[in-house]
Amino acid sequence: MVLRIHFTGDDLARTRVAPDCDAMWEVMLSLYRLRRREGAIVFGQWKKDALARVPAATRMLTTLVPTQGYAVDFLTPRTEPGSIAAGAEALRRTPRERLRVDLVELAWRHPGRRLPGWLGGLAAGGPRTLDAVAGAAETYFEACLSPYWSRIRAQVARERAHRARVLGEGGWEAVFATLHPSARWSFPTLELSYPADHDIHLNGRGLVLQPSFFCRRTPITLRDPELPPVLVYPIEHDPAWAHGDPPGRRPALTGLLGPTRAQVLETIAHGDCTTGELARRLDIPGSTASRQATTLREAGLVASHRLGQAVIHTVTDLGAALLDGRRPGLIA
């Protein structure tokens, strides 16, 4: 079975590699990894840690993302920042018809599966139910992905840099030919192995190539070919990525500061940064980053100074001592 993506000349000009991880795709794909037995070498340590912390709200997500097969398209809305905040906000704005179509498809694809009653309210576009689903995604991300997010982003950034070199040396033909072992490119069609026969006609819209940390085996895309075209594909991993204490895991530090503030302190210790950079590194709102940095500064753990229009944050000796010898290099 084959995925066929049909290009025009305009589509090649509008094709690009996504600028960063997409948090909603990583939420969805990590839910597959969390409940499957394969991939122990790469995901085993993360899975062990995540299962110990997975929040109860995740059950709403696993209803929409079965252990195999179709997961609803609306759970992975396209947002340019790719952050969990932007993704959750886009999810909350999902049109009622999109919800209905995807949930009908979910029921049809999994006929023997018992579905909870709250899906009826979701299919009807109930804002409270939709808000609960978006909140579940945010809660799951904070508990199971956020502690590793800087490491995940670093490995995706490495893949993006590799793609940029391939594009510069050999053009899109080289990029497509090396995207996946099953990839076959002969203009105007890119073919890849896929769980089902599926065609996407780009018709001048271009294609976003989205490297994904938790994608495995074959690339994946949205079921509805009329949605903004995206091809999510697996990257190569450093098998040791999850070993060692993830940021914010030390009970004493987390208990003293709280998980978000502990991550802010550790992130600043990793390298001086502006408030905006801090927000991007941790995938949190700028207001949250500013508030947490202010609290740490008032406690003497962080020093801040203005440079032009930006405020630069630096860990103090007291902050470094509180980290108890944790070296910034551990936060990849």
C-alpha atoms as a PDB file:
ATOM      1  CA  MET A   1       0.000   0.000   0.000  1.00  0.00           C
ATOM      2  CA  VAL A   2       1.264   3.404  -1.014  1.00  0.00           C
ATOM      3  CA  LEU A   3       0.931   7.085  -0.165  1.00  0.00           C
ATOM      4  CA  ARG A   4       1.135   9.158  -3.353  1.00  0.00           C
ATOM      5  CA  ILE A   5       1.699  12.913  -3.158  1.00  0.00           C
ATOM      6  CA  HIS A   6       1.147  14.680  -6.485  1.00  0.00           C
ATOM      7  CA  PHE A   7       3.095  17.888  -7.127  1.00  0.00           C
ATOM      8  CA  THR A   8       3.037  20.693  -9.625  1.00  0.00           C
ATOM      9  CA  GLY A   9       5.923  23.055 -10.313  1.00  0.00           C
ATOM     10  CA  ASP A  10       4.282  25.603  -8.007  1.00  0.00           C
ATOM     11  CA  ASP A  11       4.118  23.002  -5.241  1.00  0.00           C
ATOM     12  CA  LEU A  12       7.870  22.445  -5.316  1.00  0.00           C
ATOM     13  CA  ALA A  13       8.401  26.180  -4.896  1.00  0.00           C
ATOM     14  CA  ARG A  14       6.059  26.182  -1.891  1.00  0.00           C
ATOM     15  CA  THR A  15       7.390  23.042  -0.208  1.00  0.00           C
ATOM     16  CA  ARG A  16       9.412  23.533   2.971  1.00  0.00           C
ATOM     17  CA  VAL A  17      10.686  21.796   6.072  1.00  0.00           C
ATOM     18  CA  ALA A  18       8.839  22.873   9.229  1.00  0.00           C
ATOM     19  CA  PRO A  19      10.848  25.292  11.382  1.00  0.00           C
ATOM     20  CA  ASP A  20      10.538  23.279  14.617  1.00  0.00           C
ATOM     21  CA  CYS A  21       8.824  20.387  16.366  1.00  0.00           C
ATOM     22  CA  ASP A  22       5.044  20.360  16.256  1.00  0.00           C
ATOM     23  CA  ALA A  23       3.850  19.728  19.800  1.00  0.00           C
ATOM     24  CA  MET A  24       0.403  18.393  18.840  1.00  0.00           C
ATOM     25  CA  TRP A  25       1.867  15.826  16.445  1.00  0.00           C
ATOM     26  CA  GLU A  26       4.328  14.757  19.147  1.00  0.00           C
ATOM     27  CA  VAL A  27       1.475  14.449  21.657  1.00  0.00           C
ATOM     28  CA  MET A  28      -0.493  12.243  19.288  1.00  0.00           C
ATOM     29  CA  LEU A  29       2.419  10.093  18.125  1.00  0.00           C
ATOM     30  CA  SER A  30       3.878   9.695  21.602  1.00  0.00           C
ATOM     31  CA  LEU A  31       0.539   8.234  22.712  1.00  0.00           C
ATOM     32  CA  TYR A  32       1.115   5.450  20.175  1.00  0.00           C
ATOM     33  CA  ARG A  33       4.646   4.887  21.498  1.00  0.00           C
ATOM     34  CA  LEU A  34       3.440   4.909  25.106  1.00  0.00           C
ATOM     35  CA  ARG A  35       1.027   2.008  24.549  1.00  0.00           C
ATOM     36  CA  ARG A  36       3.036  -0.168  22.165  1.00  0.00           C
ATOM     37  CA  ARG A  37       5.820  -2.566  22.968  1.00  0.00           C
ATOM     38  CA  GLU A  38       8.125  -1.873  20.045  1.00  0.00           C
ATOM     39  CA  GLY A  39      10.902   0.705  20.034  1.00  0.00           C
ATOM     40  CA  ALA A  40      12.259  -0.193  23.469  1.00  0.00           C
ATOM     41  CA  ILE A  41      15.828   0.822  22.622  1.00  0.00           C
ATOM     42  CA  VAL A  42      14.877   4.400  21.730  1.00  0.00           C
ATOM     43  CA  PHE A  43      11.708   4.982  23.763  1.00  0.00           C
ATOM     44  CA  GLY A  44      11.980   2.481  26.640  1.00  0.00           C
ATOM     45  CA  GLN A  45      13.425   4.846  29.263  1.00  0.00           C
ATOM     46  CA  TRP A  46      11.053   7.658  28.325  1.00  0.00           C
ATOM     47  CA  LYS A  47       8.099   5.268  28.427  1.00  0.00           C
ATOM     48  CA  LYS A  48       9.063   4.034  31.890  1.00  0.00           C
ATOM     49  CA  ASP A  49       9.306   7.593  33.196  1.00  0.00           C
ATOM     50  CA  ALA A  50       6.172   8.815  31.412  1.00  0.00           C
ATOM     51  CA  LEU A  51       3.954   5.947  32.569  1.00  0.00           C
ATOM     52  CA  ALA A  52       4.786   6.832  36.162  1.00  0.00           C
ATOM     53  CA  ARG A  53       3.497  10.377  35.605  1.00  0.00           C
ATOM     54  CA  VAL A  54       0.796  10.088  32.963  1.00  0.00           C
ATOM     55  CA  PRO A  55      -2.229  12.175  34.067  1.00  0.00           C
ATOM     56  CA  ALA A  56      -5.760  10.767  34.287  1.00  0.00           C
ATOM     57  CA  ALA A  57      -6.940  13.316  31.716  1.00  0.00           C
ATOM     58  CA  THR A  58      -4.953  11.407  29.084  1.00  0.00           C
ATOM     59  CA  ARG A  59      -7.885   8.990  28.795  1.00  0.00           C
ATOM     60  CA  MET A  60      -9.710  11.594  26.715  1.00  0.00           C
ATOM     61  CA  LEU A  61      -6.798  11.614  24.284  1.00  0.00           C
ATOM     62  CA  THR A  62      -6.467   7.835  24.043  1.00  0.00           C
ATOM     63  CA  THR A  63     -10.143   7.684  23.072  1.00  0.00           C
ATOM     64  CA  LEU A  64      -9.275   9.861  20.069  1.00  0.00           C
ATOM     65  CA  VAL A  65      -5.959   8.076  19.420  1.00  0.00           C
ATOM     66  CA  PRO A  66      -6.492   4.291  19.488  1.00  0.00           C
ATOM     67  CA  THR A  67      -3.507   1.988  19.920  1.00  0.00           C
ATOM     68  CA  GLN A  68      -3.342   1.541  16.148  1.00  0.00           C
ATOM     69  CA  GLY A  69      -4.978   2.852  13.019  1.00  0.00           C
ATOM     70  CA  TYR A  70      -6.840   6.084  12.463  1.00  0.00           C
ATOM     71  CA  ALA A  71      -6.610   8.979  14.931  1.00  0.00           C
ATOM     72  CA  VAL A  72      -8.776  12.070  14.450  1.00  0.00           C
ATOM     73  CA  ASP A  73      -7.310  14.735  12.172  1.00  0.00           C
ATOM     74  CA  PHE A  74      -8.511  17.616  14.327  1.00  0.00           C
ATOM     75  CA  LEU A  75      -6.121  16.676  17.138  1.00  0.00           C
ATOM     76  CA  THR A  76      -3.157  17.908  15.058  1.00  0.00           C
ATOM     77  CA  PRO A  77      -4.111  21.379  13.744  1.00  0.00           C
ATOM     78  CA  ARG A  78      -1.415  23.183  11.778  1.00  0.00           C
ATOM     79  CA  THR A  79       0.088  26.164  13.620  1.00  0.00           C
ATOM     80  CA  GLU A  80       3.208  28.032  12.560  1.00  0.00           C
ATOM     81  CA  PRO A  81       4.907  28.112  15.991  1.00  0.00           C
ATOM     82  CA  GLY A  82       4.113  24.423  16.506  1.00  0.00           C
ATOM     83  CA  SER A  83       3.911  25.018  20.266  1.00  0.00           C
ATOM     84  CA  ILE A  84       1.546  23.291  22.672  1.00  0.00           C
ATOM     85  CA  ALA A  85      -0.062  26.630  23.525  1.00  0.00           C
ATOM     86  CA  ALA A  86      -0.738  27.449  19.860  1.00  0.00           C
ATOM     87  CA  GLY A  87      -1.873  23.902  19.122  1.00  0.00           C
ATOM     88  CA  ALA A  88      -4.293  23.763  22.045  1.00  0.00           C
ATOM     89  CA  GLU A  89      -5.731  27.143  21.111  1.00  0.00           C
ATOM     90  CA  ALA A  90      -6.229  26.015  17.492  1.00  0.00           C
ATOM     91  CA  LEU A  91      -7.854  22.820  18.767  1.00  0.00           C
ATOM     92  CA  ARG A  92     -10.328  24.869  20.787  1.00  0.00           C
ATOM     93  CA  ARG A  93     -11.332  26.675  17.570  1.00  0.00           C
ATOM     94  CA  THR A  94     -12.034  23.467  15.609  1.00  0.00           C
ATOM     95  CA  PRO A  95     -15.215  23.920  13.497  1.00  0.00           C
ATOM     96  CA  ARG A  96     -18.170  21.740  14.457  1.00  0.00           C
ATOM     97  CA  GLU A  97     -18.272  20.068  11.028  1.00  0.00           C
ATOM     98  CA  ARG A  98     -14.618  19.034  11.331  1.00  0.00           C
ATOM     99  CA  LEU A  99     -15.346  17.436  14.709  1.00  0.00           C
ATOM    100  CA  ARG A 100     -18.379  15.594  13.373  1.00  0.00           C
ATOM    101  CA  VAL A 101     -16.643  14.267  10.249  1.00  0.00           C
ATOM    102  CA  ASP A 102     -13.589  13.030  12.137  1.00  0.00           C
ATOM    103  CA  LEU A 103     -15.585  11.374  14.917  1.00  0.00           C
ATOM    104  CA  VAL A 104     -17.827   9.591  12.405  1.00  0.00           C
ATOM    105  CA  GLU A 105     -14.642   8.367  10.712  1.00  0.00           C
ATOM    106  CA  LEU A 106     -13.244   7.223  14.069  1.00  0.00           C
ATOM    107  CA  ALA A 107     -16.375   5.190  14.823  1.00  0.00           C
ATOM    108  CA  TRP A 108     -16.391   3.692  11.319  1.00  0.00           C
ATOM    109  CA  ARG A 109     -12.706   2.725  11.448  1.00  0.00           C
ATOM    110  CA  HIS A 110     -13.045   1.056  14.856  1.00  0.00           C
ATOM    111  CA  PRO A 111     -16.492  -0.591  14.776  1.00  0.00           C
ATOM    112  CA  GLY A 112     -15.978  -2.953  17.721  1.00  0.00           C
ATOM    113  CA  ARG A 113     -14.670  -0.305  20.071  1.00  0.00           C
ATOM    114  CA  ARG A 114     -16.837   1.074  22.861  1.00  0.00           C
ATOM    115  CA  LEU A 115     -16.843   4.862  22.718  1.00  0.00           C
ATOM    116  CA  PRO A 116     -17.714   7.035  25.743  1.00  0.00           C
ATOM    117  CA  GLY A 117     -20.803   9.209  25.833  1.00  0.00           C
ATOM    118  CA  TRP A 118     -18.891  12.494  25.963  1.00  0.00           C
ATOM    119  CA  LEU A 119     -17.987  12.025  22.292  1.00  0.00           C
ATOM    120  CA  GLY A 120     -21.580  12.910  21.442  1.00  0.00           C
ATOM    121  CA  GLY A 121     -21.149  16.320  23.011  1.00  0.00           C
ATOM    122  CA  LEU A 122     -17.845  16.743  21.215  1.00  0.00           C
ATOM    123  CA  ALA A 123     -19.386  15.806  17.861  1.00  0.00           C
ATOM    124  CA  ALA A 124     -22.067  18.436  18.480  1.00  0.00           C
ATOM    125  CA  GLY A 125     -19.346  21.052  18.939  1.00  0.00           C
ATOM    126  CA  GLY A 126     -19.806  21.413  22.697  1.00  0.00           C
ATOM    127  CA  PRO A 127     -17.247  24.064  23.714  1.00  0.00           C
ATOM    128  CA  ARG A 128     -16.789  22.681  27.234  1.00  0.00           C
ATOM    129  CA  THR A 129     -15.955  19.210  25.938  1.00  0.00           C
ATOM    130  CA  LEU A 130     -13.623  20.590  23.296  1.00  0.00           C
ATOM    131  CA  ASP A 131     -11.910  22.739  25.926  1.00  0.00           C
ATOM    132  CA  ALA A 132     -11.481  19.635  28.098  1.00  0.00           C
ATOM    133  CA  VAL A 133      -9.783  17.779  25.223  1.00  0.00           C
ATOM    134  CA  ALA A 134      -7.429  20.717  24.618  1.00  0.00           C
ATOM    135  CA  GLY A 135      -6.731  20.897  28.335  1.00  0.00           C
ATOM    136  CA  ALA A 136      -5.961  17.170  28.383  1.00  0.00           C
ATOM    137  CA  ALA A 137      -3.409  17.687  25.602  1.00  0.00           C
ATOM    138  CA  GLU A 138      -1.755  20.499  27.559  1.00  0.00           C
ATOM    139  CA  THR A 139      -1.719  18.455  30.779  1.00  0.00           C
ATOM    140  CA  TYR A 140      -0.264  15.399  29.056  1.00  0.00           C
ATOM    141  CA  PHE A 141       2.393  17.502  27.338  1.00  0.00           C
ATOM    142  CA  GLU A 142       3.411  19.146  30.622  1.00  0.00           C
ATOM    143  CA  ALA A 143       3.701  15.814  32.441  1.00  0.00           C
ATOM    144  CA  CYS A 144       5.190  13.525  29.788  1.00  0.00           C
ATOM    145  CA  LEU A 145       6.869  15.630  27.085  1.00  0.00           C
ATOM    146  CA  SER A 146       7.816  18.977  28.583  1.00  0.00           C
ATOM    147  CA  PRO A 147      10.615  17.549  30.800  1.00  0.00           C
ATOM    148  CA  TYR A 148      12.299  16.240  27.629  1.00  0.00           C
ATOM    149  CA  TRP A 149      11.245  18.950  25.191  1.00  0.00           C
ATOM    150  CA  SER A 150      14.629  20.641  24.825  1.00  0.00           C
ATOM    151  CA  ARG A 151      16.228  17.267  24.009  1.00  0.00           C
ATOM    152  CA  ILE A 152      13.487  16.409  21.531  1.00  0.00           C
ATOM    153  CA  ARG A 153      13.823  19.791  19.827  1.00  0.00           C
ATOM    154  CA  ALA A 154      17.600  19.413  19.644  1.00  0.00           C
ATOM    155  CA  GLN A 155      17.324  16.130  17.759  1.00  0.00           C
ATOM    156  CA  VAL A 156      14.677  17.505  15.401  1.00  0.00           C
ATOM    157  CA  ALA A 157      16.879  20.576  14.800  1.00  0.00           C
ATOM    158  CA  ARG A 158      19.736  18.258  13.844  1.00  0.00           C
ATOM    159  CA  GLU A 159      17.468  16.598  11.268  1.00  0.00           C
ATOM    160  CA  ARG A 160      16.421  19.986   9.877  1.00  0.00           C
ATOM    161  CA  ALA A 161      20.052  21.005   9.485  1.00  0.00           C
ATOM    162  CA  HIS A 162      20.738  17.761   7.642  1.00  0.00           C
ATOM    163  CA  ARG A 163      17.779  18.352   5.294  1.00  0.00           C
ATOM    164  CA  ALA A 164      19.009  21.869   4.579  1.00  0.00           C
ATOM    165  CA  ARG A 165      22.407  20.495   3.534  1.00  0.00           C
ATOM    166  CA  VAL A 166      20.791  17.850   1.325  1.00  0.00           C
ATOM    167  CA  LEU A 167      18.549  20.470  -0.288  1.00  0.00           C
ATOM    168  CA  GLY A 168      21.496  22.766  -0.949  1.00  0.00           C
ATOM    169  CA  GLU A 169      23.572  20.012  -2.516  1.00  0.00           C
ATOM    170  CA  GLY A 170      20.964  18.086  -4.486  1.00  0.00           C
ATOM    171  CA  GLY A 171      17.665  19.979  -4.545  1.00  0.00           C
ATOM    172  CA  TRP A 172      14.241  18.586  -3.726  1.00  0.00           C
ATOM    173  CA  GLU A 173      14.952  15.401  -5.674  1.00  0.00           C
ATOM    174  CA  ALA A 174      17.690  14.521  -3.165  1.00  0.00           C
ATOM    175  CA  VAL A 175      15.515  15.512  -0.199  1.00  0.00           C
ATOM    176  CA  PHE A 176      12.610  13.333  -1.303  1.00  0.00           C
ATOM    177  CA  ALA A 177      14.817  10.395  -2.290  1.00  0.00           C
ATOM    178  CA  THR A 178      16.434  10.267   1.166  1.00  0.00           C
ATOM    179  CA  LEU A 179      13.396  11.156   3.254  1.00  0.00           C
ATOM    180  CA  HIS A 180      12.575   7.523   4.045  1.00  0.00           C
ATOM    181  CA  PRO A 181      13.831   4.124   2.839  1.00  0.00           C
ATOM    182  CA  SER A 182      10.542   3.535   1.019  1.00  0.00           C
ATOM    183  CA  ALA A 183      10.559   6.924  -0.765  1.00  0.00           C
ATOM    184  CA  ARG A 184      10.370   6.928  -4.565  1.00  0.00           C
ATOM    185  CA  TRP A 185      10.434  10.276  -6.358  1.00  0.00           C
ATOM    186  CA  SER A 186       9.678  10.741 -10.020  1.00  0.00           C
ATOM    187  CA  PHE A 187       8.254  14.140 -10.833  1.00  0.00           C
ATOM    188  CA  PRO A 188       5.431  14.887 -10.307  1.00  0.00           C
ATOM    189  CA  THR A 189       4.797  12.151  -7.715  1.00  0.00           C
ATOM    190  CA  LEU A 190       6.374  11.190  -4.399  1.00  0.00           C
ATOM    191  CA  GLU A 191       5.488   7.647  -3.288  1.00  0.00           C
ATOM    192  CA  LEU A 192       6.039   6.186   0.176  1.00  0.00           C
ATOM    193  CA  SER A 193       5.001   3.029   1.989  1.00  0.00           C
ATOM    194  CA  TYR A 194       1.821   3.624   3.976  1.00  0.00           C
ATOM    195  CA  PRO A 195      -0.740   1.593   5.941  1.00  0.00           C
ATOM    196  CA  ALA A 196      -3.360   2.237   3.225  1.00  0.00           C
ATOM    197  CA  ASP A 197      -3.523   3.490  -0.357  1.00  0.00           C
ATOM    198  CA  HIS A 198      -3.876   7.255  -0.140  1.00  0.00           C
ATOM    199  CA  ASP A 199      -3.498  10.130  -2.615  1.00  0.00           C
ATOM    200  CA  ILE A 200      -2.898  13.804  -1.949  1.00  0.00           C
ATOM    201  CA  HIS A 201      -3.081  16.298  -4.819  1.00  0.00           C
ATOM    202  CA  LEU A 202      -1.320  19.437  -3.651  1.00  0.00           C
ATOM    203  CA  ASN A 203      -2.791  21.647  -6.381  1.00  0.00           C
ATOM    204  CA  GLY A 204      -0.438  24.532  -5.739  1.00  0.00           C
ATOM    205  CA  ARG A 205      -0.676  24.469  -1.921  1.00  0.00           C
ATOM    206  CA  GLY A 206       2.843  23.129  -1.390  1.00  0.00           C
ATOM    207  CA  LEU A 207       3.833  20.606   1.264  1.00  0.00           C
ATOM    208  CA  VAL A 208       5.148  20.979   4.807  1.00  0.00           C
ATOM    209  CA  LEU A 209       7.716  18.318   5.689  1.00  0.00           C
ATOM    210  CA  GLN A 210       7.430  17.857   9.446  1.00  0.00           C
ATOM    211  CA  PRO A 211      10.281  15.922  11.099  1.00  0.00           C
ATOM    212  CA  SER A 212       8.936  14.092  14.138  1.00  0.00           C
ATOM    213  CA  PHE A 213      10.628  12.602  17.156  1.00  0.00           C
ATOM    214  CA  PHE A 214       7.904  10.075  18.024  1.00  0.00           C
ATOM    215  CA  CYS A 215       7.000   9.090  14.464  1.00  0.00           C
ATOM    216  CA  ARG A 216       8.205   5.556  13.744  1.00  0.00           C
ATOM    217  CA  ARG A 217       8.514   3.199  10.762  1.00  0.00           C
ATOM    218  CA  THR A 218       6.571   5.070   8.052  1.00  0.00           C
ATOM    219  CA  PRO A 219       5.688   8.729   7.456  1.00  0.00           C
ATOM    220  CA  ILE A 220       2.178   9.798   8.336  1.00  0.00           C
ATOM    221  CA  THR A 221      -0.242  12.428   7.072  1.00  0.00           C
ATOM    222  CA  LEU A 222      -3.805  13.594   7.595  1.00  0.00           C
ATOM    223  CA  ARG A 223      -6.645  11.455   6.301  1.00  0.00           C
ATOM    224  CA  ASP A 224      -8.522  14.357   4.732  1.00  0.00           C
ATOM    225  CA  PRO A 225      -6.567  15.434   1.615  1.00  0.00           C
ATOM    226  CA  GLU A 226      -8.343  18.814   1.640  1.00  0.00           C
ATOM    227  CA  LEU A 227      -6.639  19.840   4.899  1.00  0.00           C
ATOM    228  CA  PRO A 228      -3.344  21.799   4.714  1.00  0.00           C
ATOM    229  CA  PRO A 229      -0.875  19.228   3.321  1.00  0.00           C
ATOM    230  CA  VAL A 230       1.718  17.918   5.768  1.00  0.00           C
ATOM    231  CA  LEU A 231       3.998  14.893   5.703  1.00  0.00           C
ATOM    232  CA  VAL A 232       5.239  13.865   9.144  1.00  0.00           C
ATOM    233  CA  TYR A 233       8.294  11.645   8.923  1.00  0.00           C
ATOM    234  CA  PRO A 234      10.569   9.867  11.442  1.00  0.00           C
ATOM    235  CA  ILE A 235      14.031  11.127  12.318  1.00  0.00           C
ATOM    236  CA  GLU A 236      17.127   9.226  13.386  1.00  0.00           C
ATOM    237  CA  HIS A 237      17.559   9.097  17.169  1.00  0.00           C
ATOM    238  CA  ASP A 238      20.353   9.113  19.676  1.00  0.00           C
ATOM    239  CA  PRO A 239      19.330   5.998  21.687  1.00  0.00           C
ATOM    240  CA  ALA A 240      20.647   7.568  24.910  1.00  0.00           C
ATOM    241  CA  TRP A 241      18.454  10.679  24.607  1.00  0.00           C
ATOM    242  CA  ALA A 242      16.213   9.858  27.596  1.00  0.00           C
ATOM    243  CA  HIS A 243      18.821   8.510  29.993  1.00  0.00           C
ATOM    244  CA  GLY A 244      19.721  10.517  33.053  1.00  0.00           C
ATOM    245  CA  ASP A 245      17.363  12.702  35.056  1.00  0.00           C
ATOM    246  CA  PRO A 246      15.093  14.721  32.785  1.00  0.00           C
ATOM    247  CA  PRO A 247      14.910  18.445  33.568  1.00  0.00           C
ATOM    248  CA  GLY A 248      12.711  19.200  36.574  1.00  0.00           C
ATOM    249  CA  ARG A 249      12.660  15.603  37.797  1.00  0.00           C
ATOM    250  CA  ARG A 250      14.704  16.014  41.014  1.00  0.00           C
ATOM    251  CA  PRO A 251      12.092  15.780  43.776  1.00  0.00           C
ATOM    252  CA  ALA A 252      13.825  18.260  46.136  1.00  0.00           C
ATOM    253  CA  LEU A 253      14.182  20.957  43.500  1.00  0.00           C
ATOM    254  CA  THR A 254      10.722  20.419  42.059  1.00  0.00           C
ATOM    255  CA  GLY A 255       9.168  20.290  45.516  1.00  0.00           C
ATOM    256  CA  LEU A 256      10.843  23.531  46.521  1.00  0.00           C
ATOM    257  CA  LEU A 257      10.229  25.564  43.374  1.00  0.00           C
ATOM    258  CA  GLY A 258       7.427  23.766  41.572  1.00  0.00           C
ATOM    259  CA  PRO A 259       7.915  21.972  38.215  1.00  0.00           C
ATOM    260  CA  THR A 260       7.665  25.006  35.912  1.00  0.00           C
ATOM    261  CA  ARG A 261       9.927  27.249  37.985  1.00  0.00           C
ATOM    262  CA  ALA A 262      12.467  24.432  38.372  1.00  0.00           C
ATOM    263  CA  GLN A 263      12.560  24.025  34.592  1.00  0.00           C
ATOM    264  CA  VAL A 264      12.963  27.782  34.141  1.00  0.00           C
ATOM    265  CA  LEU A 265      15.957  27.808  36.508  1.00  0.00           C
ATOM    266  CA  GLU A 266      17.563  24.815  34.802  1.00  0.00           C
ATOM    267  CA  THR A 267      16.979  26.307  31.364  1.00  0.00           C
ATOM    268  CA  ILE A 268      18.611  29.596  32.324  1.00  0.00           C
ATOM    269  CA  ALA A 269      21.524  27.614  33.769  1.00  0.00           C
ATOM    270  CA  HIS A 270      21.896  25.940  30.386  1.00  0.00           C
ATOM    271  CA  GLY A 271      22.718  29.337  28.854  1.00  0.00           C
ATOM    272  CA  ASP A 272      21.870  33.015  29.326  1.00  0.00           C
ATOM    273  CA  CYS A 273      18.654  33.852  27.506  1.00  0.00           C
ATOM    274  CA  THR A 274      16.042  36.541  26.986  1.00  0.00           C
ATOM    275  CA  THR A 275      12.504  36.169  28.230  1.00  0.00           C
ATOM    276  CA  GLY A 276      11.346  35.364  24.692  1.00  0.00           C
ATOM    277  CA  GLU A 277      14.035  32.719  24.244  1.00  0.00           C
ATOM    278  CA  LEU A 278      13.109  31.211  27.604  1.00  0.00           C
ATOM    279  CA  ALA A 279       9.461  30.981  26.546  1.00  0.00           C
ATOM    280  CA  ARG A 280      10.416  29.301  23.252  1.00  0.00           C
ATOM    281  CA  ARG A 281      12.807  26.816  24.872  1.00  0.00           C
ATOM    282  CA  LEU A 282      10.174  25.683  27.371  1.00  0.00           C
ATOM    283  CA  ASP A 283       7.166  26.141  25.074  1.00  0.00           C
ATOM    284  CA  ILE A 284       5.341  28.335  27.604  1.00  0.00           C
ATOM    285  CA  PRO A 285       3.623  31.725  27.187  1.00  0.00           C
ATOM    286  CA  GLY A 286       5.880  34.763  27.378  1.00  0.00           C
ATOM    287  CA  SER A 287       3.912  36.095  30.353  1.00  0.00           C
ATOM    288  CA  THR A 288       4.571  32.860  32.252  1.00  0.00           C
ATOM    289  CA  ALA A 289       8.288  32.991  31.450  1.00  0.00           C
ATOM    290  CA  SER A 290       8.488  36.607  32.605  1.00  0.00           C
ATOM    291  CA  ARG A 291       6.598  35.911  35.832  1.00  0.00           C
ATOM    292  CA  GLN A 292       8.686  32.862  36.739  1.00  0.00           C
ATOM    293  CA  ALA A 293      11.973  34.636  35.952  1.00  0.00           C
ATOM    294  CA  THR A 294      10.883  37.574  38.140  1.00  0.00           C
ATOM    295  CA  THR A 295      10.133  35.239  41.054  1.00  0.00           C
ATOM    296  CA  LEU A 296      13.532  33.552  40.681  1.00  0.00           C
ATOM    297  CA  ARG A 297      15.246  36.951  40.505  1.00  0.00           C
ATOM    298  CA  GLU A 298      13.496  38.134  43.669  1.00  0.00           C
ATOM    299  CA  ALA A 299      14.744  34.965  45.388  1.00  0.00           C
ATOM    300  CA  GLY A 300      18.312  35.686  44.302  1.00  0.00           C
ATOM    301  CA  LEU A 301      18.540  32.636  42.037  1.00  0.00           C
ATOM    302  CA  VAL A 302      18.616  34.560  38.764  1.00  0.00           C
ATOM    303  CA  ALA A 303      20.087  37.909  37.755  1.00  0.00           C
ATOM    304  CA  SER A 304      18.519  39.958  34.955  1.00  0.00           C
ATOM    305  CA  HIS A 305      19.886  42.903  33.018  1.00  0.00           C
ATOM    306  CA  ARG A 306      18.584  44.909  30.090  1.00  0.00           C
ATOM    307  CA  LEU A 307      20.334  44.824  26.730  1.00  0.00           C
ATOM    308  CA  GLY A 308      18.575  47.173  24.311  1.00  0.00           C
ATOM    309  CA  GLN A 309      14.926  46.136  24.202  1.00  0.00           C
ATOM    310  CA  ALA A 310      15.615  42.674  25.639  1.00  0.00           C
ATOM    311  CA  VAL A 311      16.109  41.427  29.212  1.00  0.00           C
ATOM    312  CA  ILE A 312      18.870  38.814  29.638  1.00  0.00           C
ATOM    313  CA  HIS A 313      18.577  36.258  32.448  1.00  0.00           C
ATOM    314  CA  THR A 314      21.624  34.607  34.071  1.00  0.00           C
ATOM    315  CA  VAL A 315      21.792  32.038  36.867  1.00  0.00           C
ATOM    316  CA  THR A 316      23.482  33.325  40.060  1.00  0.00           C
ATOM    317  CA  ASP A 317      25.939  31.459  42.291  1.00  0.00           C
ATOM    318  CA  LEU A 318      23.066  30.768  44.668  1.00  0.00           C
ATOM    319  CA  GLY A 319      20.955  29.404  41.832  1.00  0.00           C
ATOM    320  CA  ALA A 320      23.801  27.206  40.652  1.00  0.00           C
ATOM    321  CA  ALA A 321      24.325  25.932  44.195  1.00  0.00           C
ATOM    322  CA  LEU A 322      20.633  25.086  44.468  1.00  0.00           C
ATOM    323  CA  LEU A 323      20.940  23.004  41.330  1.00  0.00           C
ATOM    324  CA  ASP A 324      23.377  20.925  43.404  1.00  0.00           C
ATOM    325  CA  GLY A 325      26.039  20.490  40.788  1.00  0.00           C
ATOM    326  CA  ARG A 326      23.702  19.665  37.902  1.00  0.00           C
ATOM    327  CA  ARG A 327      25.646  20.536  34.776  1.00  0.00           C
ATOM    328  CA  PRO A 328      23.832  22.477  32.039  1.00  0.00           C
ATOM    329  CA  GLY A 329      25.215  20.069  29.442  1.00  0.00           C
ATOM    330  CA  LEU A 330      22.749  17.458  30.681  1.00  0.00           C
ATOM    331  CA  ILE A 331      19.949  19.503  29.188  1.00  0.00           C
ATOM    332  CA  ALA A 332      20.431  18.808  25.497  1.00  0.00           C
END
